[in-house]
């Protein structure tokens, strides 16, 4: 039986080692993502025979796992079988979420008639070319560049600063102000997650940037390297009443911290129409696609050993 437990900072090197085996593109494959959202989404982990298992749900939704992560001397196929056994032992319908296309193809080859795959479009993650985010060149990004130029002309005295021990208190204030002026579902959970990142900033190895106007932080963002070619943006907040501020914090942060990368992952749109429109307007290069995998028919998963 897999023994699932909470993520602690001491677990980071071990979890990172699993994710470092491949160039994963999804934010699910980041220790920071799992650590910051674990209490909100019931995320836990287990390790068995050199395979990492990550489980979520169980409170507001049915329990699920991410596809098993095989370590250096382990095999995915063995991890998949252990996952099947856990679902069967706990009398829970088999469900993997966050299955990428490569993993989906592999599962189909292992057992062609076992699984049913459904695209989870609301959780597709938007991947952009770093050069596009910095230059904003071309017709498709002209409006973004116009907003940015307008901001720089109107607020020529703005100050971009890295997030460090001196600016973290100002960013905390900006985050709290965001909650006071916005009333979206789950926004207080997001504030809890943001403050958790600030609480463990150095241990998590994060980088961030903020824009200060008239003595206060009006925008901030937090990110890290996801793999050697790609940066991941965890959080981005800006005063929506200031035209061009979102474009400014995005552009300044990437120019200062991630100019040497090839791609930027700006995560999913969660099916929110406004957020989807905003992310699509930046002309993504591609998506980190995610699929749900279920048994094609009762008993199909449990009865087959790849």
C-alpha atoms as a PDB file:
ATOM      1  CA  UNK A   1       0.000   0.000   0.000  1.00  0.00           C
ATOM      2  CA  UNK A   2       1.348   3.431  -0.946  1.00  0.00           C
ATOM      3  CA  UNK A   3       1.937   5.679   2.074  1.00  0.00           C
ATOM      4  CA  UNK A   4       0.975   9.242   1.079  1.00  0.00           C
ATOM      5  CA  UNK A   5       2.193  12.238   3.084  1.00  0.00           C
ATOM      6  CA  UNK A   6       2.498  16.028   3.021  1.00  0.00           C
ATOM      7  CA  UNK A   7       5.269  17.889   1.224  1.00  0.00           C
ATOM      8  CA  UNK A   8       7.907  19.478   3.442  1.00  0.00           C
ATOM      9  CA  UNK A   9      10.857  21.638   2.468  1.00  0.00           C
ATOM     10  CA  UNK A  10      13.154  18.744   3.353  1.00  0.00           C
ATOM     11  CA  UNK A  11      11.514  16.738   0.551  1.00  0.00           C
ATOM     12  CA  UNK A  12      12.465  19.229  -2.162  1.00  0.00           C
ATOM     13  CA  UNK A  13      15.781  17.659  -3.289  1.00  0.00           C
ATOM     14  CA  UNK A  14      14.172  14.227  -3.566  1.00  0.00           C
ATOM     15  CA  UNK A  15      11.154  15.492  -5.529  1.00  0.00           C
ATOM     16  CA  UNK A  16      13.349  17.665  -7.759  1.00  0.00           C
ATOM     17  CA  UNK A  17      15.451  14.625  -8.638  1.00  0.00           C
ATOM     18  CA  UNK A  18      12.404  12.853 -10.081  1.00  0.00           C
ATOM     19  CA  UNK A  19      11.309  15.892 -12.079  1.00  0.00           C
ATOM     20  CA  UNK A  20      14.861  16.386 -13.315  1.00  0.00           C
ATOM     21  CA  UNK A  21      14.793  13.057 -15.150  1.00  0.00           C
ATOM     22  CA  UNK A  22      12.927  14.640 -18.090  1.00  0.00           C
ATOM     23  CA  UNK A  23      12.165  18.104 -19.487  1.00  0.00           C
ATOM     24  CA  UNK A  24       8.629  18.286 -18.153  1.00  0.00           C
ATOM     25  CA  UNK A  25       6.714  21.358 -19.306  1.00  0.00           C
ATOM     26  CA  UNK A  26       3.756  21.422 -16.888  1.00  0.00           C
ATOM     27  CA  UNK A  27       3.661  23.340 -13.622  1.00  0.00           C
ATOM     28  CA  UNK A  28       2.494  20.131 -11.889  1.00  0.00           C
ATOM     29  CA  UNK A  29       6.095  18.989 -12.265  1.00  0.00           C
ATOM     30  CA  UNK A  30       7.420  21.690  -9.949  1.00  0.00           C
ATOM     31  CA  UNK A  31       7.970  21.141  -6.227  1.00  0.00           C
ATOM     32  CA  UNK A  32       6.917  24.732  -5.567  1.00  0.00           C
ATOM     33  CA  UNK A  33       3.538  24.237  -7.249  1.00  0.00           C
ATOM     34  CA  UNK A  34       2.802  21.131  -5.198  1.00  0.00           C
ATOM     35  CA  UNK A  35       4.061  22.676  -1.962  1.00  0.00           C
ATOM     36  CA  UNK A  36       2.098  25.922  -2.252  1.00  0.00           C
ATOM     37  CA  UNK A  37      -1.238  24.298  -3.164  1.00  0.00           C
ATOM     38  CA  UNK A  38      -1.069  21.070  -1.134  1.00  0.00           C
ATOM     39  CA  UNK A  39      -3.415  22.110   1.671  1.00  0.00           C
ATOM     40  CA  UNK A  40      -5.896  23.771  -0.670  1.00  0.00           C
ATOM     41  CA  UNK A  41      -6.167  20.864  -3.114  1.00  0.00           C
ATOM     42  CA  UNK A  42      -5.268  17.938  -0.881  1.00  0.00           C
ATOM     43  CA  UNK A  43      -2.000  17.130  -2.665  1.00  0.00           C
ATOM     44  CA  UNK A  44       0.205  14.430  -1.131  1.00  0.00           C
ATOM     45  CA  UNK A  45       3.052  12.222  -2.280  1.00  0.00           C
ATOM     46  CA  UNK A  46       4.410   8.719  -1.860  1.00  0.00           C
ATOM     47  CA  UNK A  47       7.502   6.864  -2.993  1.00  0.00           C
ATOM     48  CA  UNK A  48       7.804   3.173  -3.678  1.00  0.00           C
ATOM     49  CA  UNK A  49      10.501   1.145  -5.444  1.00  0.00           C
ATOM     50  CA  UNK A  50      12.080   4.235  -7.004  1.00  0.00           C
ATOM     51  CA  UNK A  51       8.788   5.658  -8.283  1.00  0.00           C
ATOM     52  CA  UNK A  52       7.174   8.927  -7.198  1.00  0.00           C
ATOM     53  CA  UNK A  53       3.395   9.092  -6.842  1.00  0.00           C
ATOM     54  CA  UNK A  54       1.439  12.337  -6.456  1.00  0.00           C
ATOM     55  CA  UNK A  55      -2.199  12.250  -5.365  1.00  0.00           C
ATOM     56  CA  UNK A  56      -4.780  15.028  -5.230  1.00  0.00           C
ATOM     57  CA  UNK A  57      -8.470  15.524  -4.577  1.00  0.00           C
ATOM     58  CA  UNK A  58     -10.451  13.668  -1.988  1.00  0.00           C
ATOM     59  CA  UNK A  59     -12.155  16.711  -0.420  1.00  0.00           C
ATOM     60  CA  UNK A  60     -14.048  18.572  -3.126  1.00  0.00           C
ATOM     61  CA  UNK A  61     -13.391  16.138  -5.963  1.00  0.00           C
ATOM     62  CA  UNK A  62     -12.674  12.474  -6.547  1.00  0.00           C
ATOM     63  CA  UNK A  63      -9.139  11.322  -5.670  1.00  0.00           C
ATOM     64  CA  UNK A  64      -6.756  11.170  -8.602  1.00  0.00           C
ATOM     65  CA  UNK A  65      -3.077  10.729  -9.293  1.00  0.00           C
ATOM     66  CA  UNK A  66      -0.652  12.293 -11.691  1.00  0.00           C
ATOM     67  CA  UNK A  67       1.099   9.761 -13.933  1.00  0.00           C
ATOM     68  CA  UNK A  68       3.819   8.022 -11.858  1.00  0.00           C
ATOM     69  CA  UNK A  69       7.334   9.438 -12.127  1.00  0.00           C
ATOM     70  CA  UNK A  70       9.967   6.739 -12.513  1.00  0.00           C
ATOM     71  CA  UNK A  71      13.380   7.441 -11.043  1.00  0.00           C
ATOM     72  CA  UNK A  72      16.688   6.635 -12.656  1.00  0.00           C
ATOM     73  CA  UNK A  73      16.597   2.877 -12.019  1.00  0.00           C
ATOM     74  CA  UNK A  74      12.821   2.342 -12.107  1.00  0.00           C
ATOM     75  CA  UNK A  75      10.234   1.847 -14.835  1.00  0.00           C
ATOM     76  CA  UNK A  76       7.056   3.779 -15.577  1.00  0.00           C
ATOM     77  CA  UNK A  77       5.215   0.551 -16.304  1.00  0.00           C
ATOM     78  CA  UNK A  78       5.827  -0.694 -12.752  1.00  0.00           C
ATOM     79  CA  UNK A  79       4.642   2.607 -11.315  1.00  0.00           C
ATOM     80  CA  UNK A  80       1.488   2.461 -13.406  1.00  0.00           C
ATOM     81  CA  UNK A  81       0.696  -1.006 -12.083  1.00  0.00           C
ATOM     82  CA  UNK A  82       1.231   0.116  -8.475  1.00  0.00           C
ATOM     83  CA  UNK A  83      -1.103   3.058  -9.075  1.00  0.00           C
ATOM     84  CA  UNK A  84      -3.780   0.712 -10.448  1.00  0.00           C
ATOM     85  CA  UNK A  85      -3.443  -1.515  -7.397  1.00  0.00           C
ATOM     86  CA  UNK A  86      -3.841   1.463  -5.044  1.00  0.00           C
ATOM     87  CA  UNK A  87      -7.077   2.544  -6.706  1.00  0.00           C
ATOM     88  CA  UNK A  88      -8.397  -1.019  -6.623  1.00  0.00           C
ATOM     89  CA  UNK A  89      -7.453  -1.591  -2.969  1.00  0.00           C
ATOM     90  CA  UNK A  90      -9.166   1.640  -1.961  1.00  0.00           C
ATOM     91  CA  UNK A  91     -12.231   0.939  -4.113  1.00  0.00           C
ATOM     92  CA  UNK A  92     -11.768   4.237  -5.967  1.00  0.00           C
ATOM     93  CA  UNK A  93     -12.282   4.567  -9.736  1.00  0.00           C
ATOM     94  CA  UNK A  94      -8.960   4.765 -11.563  1.00  0.00           C
ATOM     95  CA  UNK A  95      -8.191   8.353 -12.586  1.00  0.00           C
ATOM     96  CA  UNK A  96      -4.936   9.913 -13.738  1.00  0.00           C
ATOM     97  CA  UNK A  97      -4.883  13.648 -14.413  1.00  0.00           C
ATOM     98  CA  UNK A  98      -2.175  15.711 -16.068  1.00  0.00           C
ATOM     99  CA  UNK A  99      -1.303  13.006 -18.600  1.00  0.00           C
ATOM    100  CA  UNK A 100       0.797  14.582 -21.334  1.00  0.00           C
ATOM    101  CA  UNK A 101       0.627  13.421 -24.985  1.00  0.00           C
ATOM    102  CA  UNK A 102       3.861  11.417 -24.754  1.00  0.00           C
ATOM    103  CA  UNK A 103       2.620   9.580 -21.687  1.00  0.00           C
ATOM    104  CA  UNK A 104      -0.791   9.047 -23.281  1.00  0.00           C
ATOM    105  CA  UNK A 105       0.794   7.449 -26.342  1.00  0.00           C
ATOM    106  CA  UNK A 106       2.878   5.202 -24.138  1.00  0.00           C
ATOM    107  CA  UNK A 107      -0.149   4.041 -22.130  1.00  0.00           C
ATOM    108  CA  UNK A 108      -2.060   3.315 -25.336  1.00  0.00           C
ATOM    109  CA  UNK A 109       0.798   1.156 -26.611  1.00  0.00           C
ATOM    110  CA  UNK A 110       1.047  -0.712 -23.312  1.00  0.00           C
ATOM    111  CA  UNK A 111      -2.633  -1.567 -23.383  1.00  0.00           C
ATOM    112  CA  UNK A 112      -4.605  -0.297 -26.431  1.00  0.00           C
ATOM    113  CA  UNK A 113      -8.080  -1.037 -25.031  1.00  0.00           C
ATOM    114  CA  UNK A 114      -7.555  -0.202 -21.361  1.00  0.00           C
ATOM    115  CA  UNK A 115      -7.875   3.573 -21.128  1.00  0.00           C
ATOM    116  CA  UNK A 116     -10.163   6.373 -22.160  1.00  0.00           C
ATOM    117  CA  UNK A 117      -8.438   9.764 -22.534  1.00  0.00           C
ATOM    118  CA  UNK A 118     -10.245  13.093 -22.260  1.00  0.00           C
ATOM    119  CA  UNK A 119      -8.564  16.457 -22.946  1.00  0.00           C
ATOM    120  CA  UNK A 120      -8.585  18.729 -19.897  1.00  0.00           C
ATOM    121  CA  UNK A 121      -8.588  21.967 -21.904  1.00  0.00           C
ATOM    122  CA  UNK A 122      -9.170  24.243 -18.901  1.00  0.00           C
ATOM    123  CA  UNK A 123      -5.826  23.055 -17.527  1.00  0.00           C
ATOM    124  CA  UNK A 124      -3.775  23.228 -20.726  1.00  0.00           C
ATOM    125  CA  UNK A 125      -0.799  25.451 -19.896  1.00  0.00           C
ATOM    126  CA  UNK A 126       0.276  28.288 -22.168  1.00  0.00           C
ATOM    127  CA  UNK A 127       3.871  28.154 -23.396  1.00  0.00           C
ATOM    128  CA  UNK A 128       5.372  31.266 -25.038  1.00  0.00           C
ATOM    129  CA  UNK A 129       8.646  31.978 -26.769  1.00  0.00           C
ATOM    130  CA  UNK A 130      10.788  34.090 -24.458  1.00  0.00           C
ATOM    131  CA  UNK A 131      11.917  36.294 -27.337  1.00  0.00           C
ATOM    132  CA  UNK A 132       8.294  37.130 -28.170  1.00  0.00           C
ATOM    133  CA  UNK A 133       7.583  38.105 -24.558  1.00  0.00           C
ATOM    134  CA  UNK A 134      10.565  40.451 -24.534  1.00  0.00           C
ATOM    135  CA  UNK A 135      10.327  42.080 -27.970  1.00  0.00           C
ATOM    136  CA  UNK A 136       6.528  41.976 -28.438  1.00  0.00           C
ATOM    137  CA  UNK A 137       7.315  42.076 -32.143  1.00  0.00           C
ATOM    138  CA  UNK A 138       4.839  41.403 -34.906  1.00  0.00           C
ATOM    139  CA  UNK A 139       1.243  42.218 -35.699  1.00  0.00           C
ATOM    140  CA  UNK A 140      -0.278  39.764 -33.210  1.00  0.00           C
ATOM    141  CA  UNK A 141       1.501  41.438 -30.281  1.00  0.00           C
ATOM    142  CA  UNK A 142       1.180  45.033 -31.459  1.00  0.00           C
ATOM    143  CA  UNK A 143      -1.561  45.878 -28.968  1.00  0.00           C
ATOM    144  CA  UNK A 144       0.513  44.515 -26.085  1.00  0.00           C
ATOM    145  CA  UNK A 145       3.437  46.669 -27.166  1.00  0.00           C
ATOM    146  CA  UNK A 146       1.185  49.727 -27.430  1.00  0.00           C
ATOM    147  CA  UNK A 147      -0.064  49.180 -23.866  1.00  0.00           C
ATOM    148  CA  UNK A 148       3.513  48.787 -22.637  1.00  0.00           C
ATOM    149  CA  UNK A 149       4.709  51.930 -24.420  1.00  0.00           C
ATOM    150  CA  UNK A 150       1.752  53.889 -23.086  1.00  0.00           C
ATOM    151  CA  UNK A 151       2.592  52.803 -19.550  1.00  0.00           C
ATOM    152  CA  UNK A 152       6.243  53.776 -19.903  1.00  0.00           C
ATOM    153  CA  UNK A 153       5.338  57.207 -21.251  1.00  0.00           C
ATOM    154  CA  UNK A 154       2.688  57.945 -18.642  1.00  0.00           C
ATOM    155  CA  UNK A 155       4.632  56.541 -15.687  1.00  0.00           C
ATOM    156  CA  UNK A 156       8.209  57.302 -16.647  1.00  0.00           C
ATOM    157  CA  UNK A 157       9.174  57.372 -12.980  1.00  0.00           C
ATOM    158  CA  UNK A 158       8.196  53.760 -12.304  1.00  0.00           C
ATOM    159  CA  UNK A 159      10.765  51.575 -10.592  1.00  0.00           C
ATOM    160  CA  UNK A 160      11.312  47.878 -11.273  1.00  0.00           C
ATOM    161  CA  UNK A 161      12.946  45.975  -8.407  1.00  0.00           C
ATOM    162  CA  UNK A 162      13.742  42.332  -7.692  1.00  0.00           C
ATOM    163  CA  UNK A 163      11.819  40.681  -4.884  1.00  0.00           C
ATOM    164  CA  UNK A 164      14.056  40.250  -1.841  1.00  0.00           C
ATOM    165  CA  UNK A 165      13.869  40.655   1.918  1.00  0.00           C
ATOM    166  CA  UNK A 166      13.374  44.398   1.474  1.00  0.00           C
ATOM    167  CA  UNK A 167      10.527  44.236  -1.026  1.00  0.00           C
ATOM    168  CA  UNK A 168       8.678  41.143   0.254  1.00  0.00           C
ATOM    169  CA  UNK A 169       6.737  43.174   2.889  1.00  0.00           C
ATOM    170  CA  UNK A 170       5.607  45.601   0.170  1.00  0.00           C
ATOM    171  CA  UNK A 171       4.504  42.694  -2.036  1.00  0.00           C
ATOM    172  CA  UNK A 172       2.579  41.165   0.857  1.00  0.00           C
ATOM    173  CA  UNK A 173       0.716  44.449   1.222  1.00  0.00           C
ATOM    174  CA  UNK A 174      -0.049  44.528  -2.492  1.00  0.00           C
ATOM    175  CA  UNK A 175      -1.360  40.949  -2.357  1.00  0.00           C
ATOM    176  CA  UNK A 176      -3.593  41.745   0.609  1.00  0.00           C
ATOM    177  CA  UNK A 177      -4.919  44.805  -1.210  1.00  0.00           C
ATOM    178  CA  UNK A 178      -5.713  42.621  -4.215  1.00  0.00           C
ATOM    179  CA  UNK A 179      -7.927  40.414  -2.043  1.00  0.00           C
ATOM    180  CA  UNK A 180      -9.749  43.465  -0.672  1.00  0.00           C
ATOM    181  CA  UNK A 181     -10.610  44.754  -4.142  1.00  0.00           C
ATOM    182  CA  UNK A 182     -11.384  41.433  -5.836  1.00  0.00           C
ATOM    183  CA  UNK A 183     -13.996  38.884  -4.886  1.00  0.00           C
ATOM    184  CA  UNK A 184     -13.337  35.886  -7.117  1.00  0.00           C
ATOM    185  CA  UNK A 185     -13.872  32.398  -5.745  1.00  0.00           C
ATOM    186  CA  UNK A 186     -10.734  31.028  -4.116  1.00  0.00           C
ATOM    187  CA  UNK A 187      -8.905  34.341  -3.953  1.00  0.00           C
ATOM    188  CA  UNK A 188      -8.161  34.029  -0.231  1.00  0.00           C
ATOM    189  CA  UNK A 189      -6.675  30.593  -0.868  1.00  0.00           C
ATOM    190  CA  UNK A 190      -4.412  32.207  -3.430  1.00  0.00           C
ATOM    191  CA  UNK A 191      -3.317  34.812  -0.878  1.00  0.00           C
ATOM    192  CA  UNK A 192      -2.449  32.005   1.541  1.00  0.00           C
ATOM    193  CA  UNK A 193      -0.356  30.333  -1.177  1.00  0.00           C
ATOM    194  CA  UNK A 194       1.409  33.597  -2.047  1.00  0.00           C
ATOM    195  CA  UNK A 195       2.334  34.262   1.571  1.00  0.00           C
ATOM    196  CA  UNK A 196       3.622  30.702   1.873  1.00  0.00           C
ATOM    197  CA  UNK A 197       6.021  31.426  -0.983  1.00  0.00           C
ATOM    198  CA  UNK A 198       7.210  34.605   0.720  1.00  0.00           C
ATOM    199  CA  UNK A 199       7.639  32.707   4.009  1.00  0.00           C
ATOM    200  CA  UNK A 200      10.015  30.199   2.377  1.00  0.00           C
ATOM    201  CA  UNK A 201      11.468  32.339  -0.408  1.00  0.00           C
ATOM    202  CA  UNK A 202      15.109  31.302  -0.206  1.00  0.00           C
ATOM    203  CA  UNK A 203      14.446  27.637   0.553  1.00  0.00           C
ATOM    204  CA  UNK A 204      12.241  27.342  -2.535  1.00  0.00           C
ATOM    205  CA  UNK A 205      14.819  29.066  -4.746  1.00  0.00           C
ATOM    206  CA  UNK A 206      12.333  31.538  -6.191  1.00  0.00           C
ATOM    207  CA  UNK A 207      12.916  34.750  -8.104  1.00  0.00           C
ATOM    208  CA  UNK A 208      10.533  37.636  -8.461  1.00  0.00           C
ATOM    209  CA  UNK A 209      10.112  41.217  -9.536  1.00  0.00           C
ATOM    210  CA  UNK A 210       7.876  44.127  -8.627  1.00  0.00           C
ATOM    211  CA  UNK A 211       6.989  47.559  -9.956  1.00  0.00           C
ATOM    212  CA  UNK A 212       6.799  50.463  -7.573  1.00  0.00           C
ATOM    213  CA  UNK A 213       4.777  53.583  -8.304  1.00  0.00           C
ATOM    214  CA  UNK A 214       4.323  56.586  -6.030  1.00  0.00           C
ATOM    215  CA  UNK A 215       5.857  54.811  -3.058  1.00  0.00           C
ATOM    216  CA  UNK A 216       3.921  51.538  -3.231  1.00  0.00           C
ATOM    217  CA  UNK A 217       4.150  48.211  -5.072  1.00  0.00           C
ATOM    218  CA  UNK A 218       1.437  48.086  -7.721  1.00  0.00           C
ATOM    219  CA  UNK A 219       2.531  44.867  -9.438  1.00  0.00           C
ATOM    220  CA  UNK A 220       4.604  41.804  -8.609  1.00  0.00           C
ATOM    221  CA  UNK A 221       5.369  38.410 -10.084  1.00  0.00           C
ATOM    222  CA  UNK A 222       7.022  35.192  -8.916  1.00  0.00           C
ATOM    223  CA  UNK A 223       8.716  32.473 -10.956  1.00  0.00           C
ATOM    224  CA  UNK A 224      11.482  29.906 -11.234  1.00  0.00           C
ATOM    225  CA  UNK A 225      13.204  27.668 -13.754  1.00  0.00           C
ATOM    226  CA  UNK A 226      11.092  24.623 -14.619  1.00  0.00           C
ATOM    227  CA  UNK A 227      13.791  22.975 -16.692  1.00  0.00           C
ATOM    228  CA  UNK A 228      16.986  24.171 -18.363  1.00  0.00           C
ATOM    229  CA  UNK A 229      15.075  25.693 -21.288  1.00  0.00           C
ATOM    230  CA  UNK A 230      11.877  26.933 -19.662  1.00  0.00           C
ATOM    231  CA  UNK A 231      10.843  29.335 -16.911  1.00  0.00           C
ATOM    232  CA  UNK A 232       7.578  29.011 -14.993  1.00  0.00           C
ATOM    233  CA  UNK A 233       5.517  31.971 -13.774  1.00  0.00           C
ATOM    234  CA  UNK A 234       3.691  31.002 -10.572  1.00  0.00           C
ATOM    235  CA  UNK A 235       2.084  34.325  -9.646  1.00  0.00           C
ATOM    236  CA  UNK A 236       1.437  37.617 -11.413  1.00  0.00           C
ATOM    237  CA  UNK A 237      -0.584  40.444  -9.853  1.00  0.00           C
ATOM    238  CA  UNK A 238      -1.027  44.037 -10.991  1.00  0.00           C
ATOM    239  CA  UNK A 239      -3.375  46.950 -10.343  1.00  0.00           C
ATOM    240  CA  UNK A 240      -5.892  46.545 -13.205  1.00  0.00           C
ATOM    241  CA  UNK A 241      -6.750  50.257 -13.201  1.00  0.00           C
ATOM    242  CA  UNK A 242      -3.260  51.173 -14.432  1.00  0.00           C
ATOM    243  CA  UNK A 243      -3.111  50.704 -18.195  1.00  0.00           C
ATOM    244  CA  UNK A 244      -0.160  48.676 -19.385  1.00  0.00           C
ATOM    245  CA  UNK A 245       0.937  47.591 -15.904  1.00  0.00           C
ATOM    246  CA  UNK A 246       0.407  43.884 -16.574  1.00  0.00           C
ATOM    247  CA  UNK A 247       2.404  44.159 -19.788  1.00  0.00           C
ATOM    248  CA  UNK A 248       5.118  46.047 -17.911  1.00  0.00           C
ATOM    249  CA  UNK A 249       5.598  43.591 -15.047  1.00  0.00           C
ATOM    250  CA  UNK A 250       5.584  40.642 -17.455  1.00  0.00           C
ATOM    251  CA  UNK A 251       8.109  42.265 -19.774  1.00  0.00           C
ATOM    252  CA  UNK A 252      10.440  43.614 -17.082  1.00  0.00           C
ATOM    253  CA  UNK A 253      10.522  40.344 -15.145  1.00  0.00           C
ATOM    254  CA  UNK A 254      11.314  38.183 -18.147  1.00  0.00           C
ATOM    255  CA  UNK A 255      13.961  40.639 -19.435  1.00  0.00           C
ATOM    256  CA  UNK A 256      15.684  40.780 -16.053  1.00  0.00           C
ATOM    257  CA  UNK A 257      15.429  37.153 -14.914  1.00  0.00           C
ATOM    258  CA  UNK A 258      14.747  34.803 -17.820  1.00  0.00           C
ATOM    259  CA  UNK A 259      16.185  36.399 -20.966  1.00  0.00           C
ATOM    260  CA  UNK A 260      18.426  33.369 -21.536  1.00  0.00           C
ATOM    261  CA  UNK A 261      15.559  30.879 -21.625  1.00  0.00           C
ATOM    262  CA  UNK A 262      13.780  29.615 -24.714  1.00  0.00           C
ATOM    263  CA  UNK A 263      10.249  29.347 -23.346  1.00  0.00           C
ATOM    264  CA  UNK A 264       7.999  30.790 -20.637  1.00  0.00           C
ATOM    265  CA  UNK A 265       5.173  28.767 -19.069  1.00  0.00           C
ATOM    266  CA  UNK A 266       2.375  31.077 -17.878  1.00  0.00           C
ATOM    267  CA  UNK A 267       0.143  28.243 -16.627  1.00  0.00           C
ATOM    268  CA  UNK A 268      -3.523  27.515 -17.367  1.00  0.00           C
ATOM    269  CA  UNK A 269      -6.624  29.678 -17.751  1.00  0.00           C
ATOM    270  CA  UNK A 270      -8.843  27.468 -15.515  1.00  0.00           C
ATOM    271  CA  UNK A 271     -11.653  27.845 -18.030  1.00  0.00           C
ATOM    272  CA  UNK A 272     -12.203  31.490 -17.108  1.00  0.00           C
ATOM    273  CA  UNK A 273     -13.243  33.358 -20.300  1.00  0.00           C
ATOM    274  CA  UNK A 274     -11.432  36.605 -19.472  1.00  0.00           C
ATOM    275  CA  UNK A 275      -8.230  34.836 -18.463  1.00  0.00           C
ATOM    276  CA  UNK A 276      -8.363  32.625 -21.560  1.00  0.00           C
ATOM    277  CA  UNK A 277      -8.715  35.666 -23.782  1.00  0.00           C
ATOM    278  CA  UNK A 278      -5.786  37.378 -22.056  1.00  0.00           C
ATOM    279  CA  UNK A 279      -3.494  34.349 -22.359  1.00  0.00           C
ATOM    280  CA  UNK A 280      -4.451  33.673 -25.973  1.00  0.00           C
ATOM    281  CA  UNK A 281      -3.803  37.316 -26.849  1.00  0.00           C
ATOM    282  CA  UNK A 282      -0.096  36.795 -26.109  1.00  0.00           C
ATOM    283  CA  UNK A 283       0.061  34.319 -29.026  1.00  0.00           C
ATOM    284  CA  UNK A 284       1.332  31.130 -27.323  1.00  0.00           C
ATOM    285  CA  UNK A 285       3.860  28.982 -29.155  1.00  0.00           C
ATOM    286  CA  UNK A 286       2.206  25.778 -27.913  1.00  0.00           C
ATOM    287  CA  UNK A 287       0.420  24.229 -24.943  1.00  0.00           C
ATOM    288  CA  UNK A 288       1.479  21.854 -22.222  1.00  0.00           C
ATOM    289  CA  UNK A 289      -1.486  19.608 -22.937  1.00  0.00           C
ATOM    290  CA  UNK A 290      -3.112  17.573 -20.181  1.00  0.00           C
ATOM    291  CA  UNK A 291      -5.480  14.623 -20.427  1.00  0.00           C
ATOM    292  CA  UNK A 292      -7.537  12.647 -17.935  1.00  0.00           C
ATOM    293  CA  UNK A 293      -7.113   8.871 -18.140  1.00  0.00           C
ATOM    294  CA  UNK A 294      -9.884   6.552 -16.953  1.00  0.00           C
ATOM    295  CA  UNK A 295     -10.620   2.874 -17.454  1.00  0.00           C
ATOM    296  CA  UNK A 296     -12.265   2.323 -20.801  1.00  0.00           C
ATOM    297  CA  UNK A 297     -14.596  -0.202 -19.201  1.00  0.00           C
ATOM    298  CA  UNK A 298     -15.089  -1.726 -15.788  1.00  0.00           C
ATOM    299  CA  UNK A 299     -12.147  -3.903 -14.839  1.00  0.00           C
ATOM    300  CA  UNK A 300     -10.088  -3.016 -17.920  1.00  0.00           C
ATOM    301  CA  UNK A 301      -7.322  -1.248 -15.983  1.00  0.00           C
ATOM    302  CA  UNK A 302      -7.173  -3.661 -13.063  1.00  0.00           C
ATOM    303  CA  UNK A 303      -7.176  -6.841 -15.073  1.00  0.00           C
ATOM    304  CA  UNK A 304      -4.369  -5.888 -17.406  1.00  0.00           C
ATOM    305  CA  UNK A 305      -0.707  -5.864 -16.453  1.00  0.00           C
ATOM    306  CA  UNK A 306       1.333  -3.991 -19.079  1.00  0.00           C
END
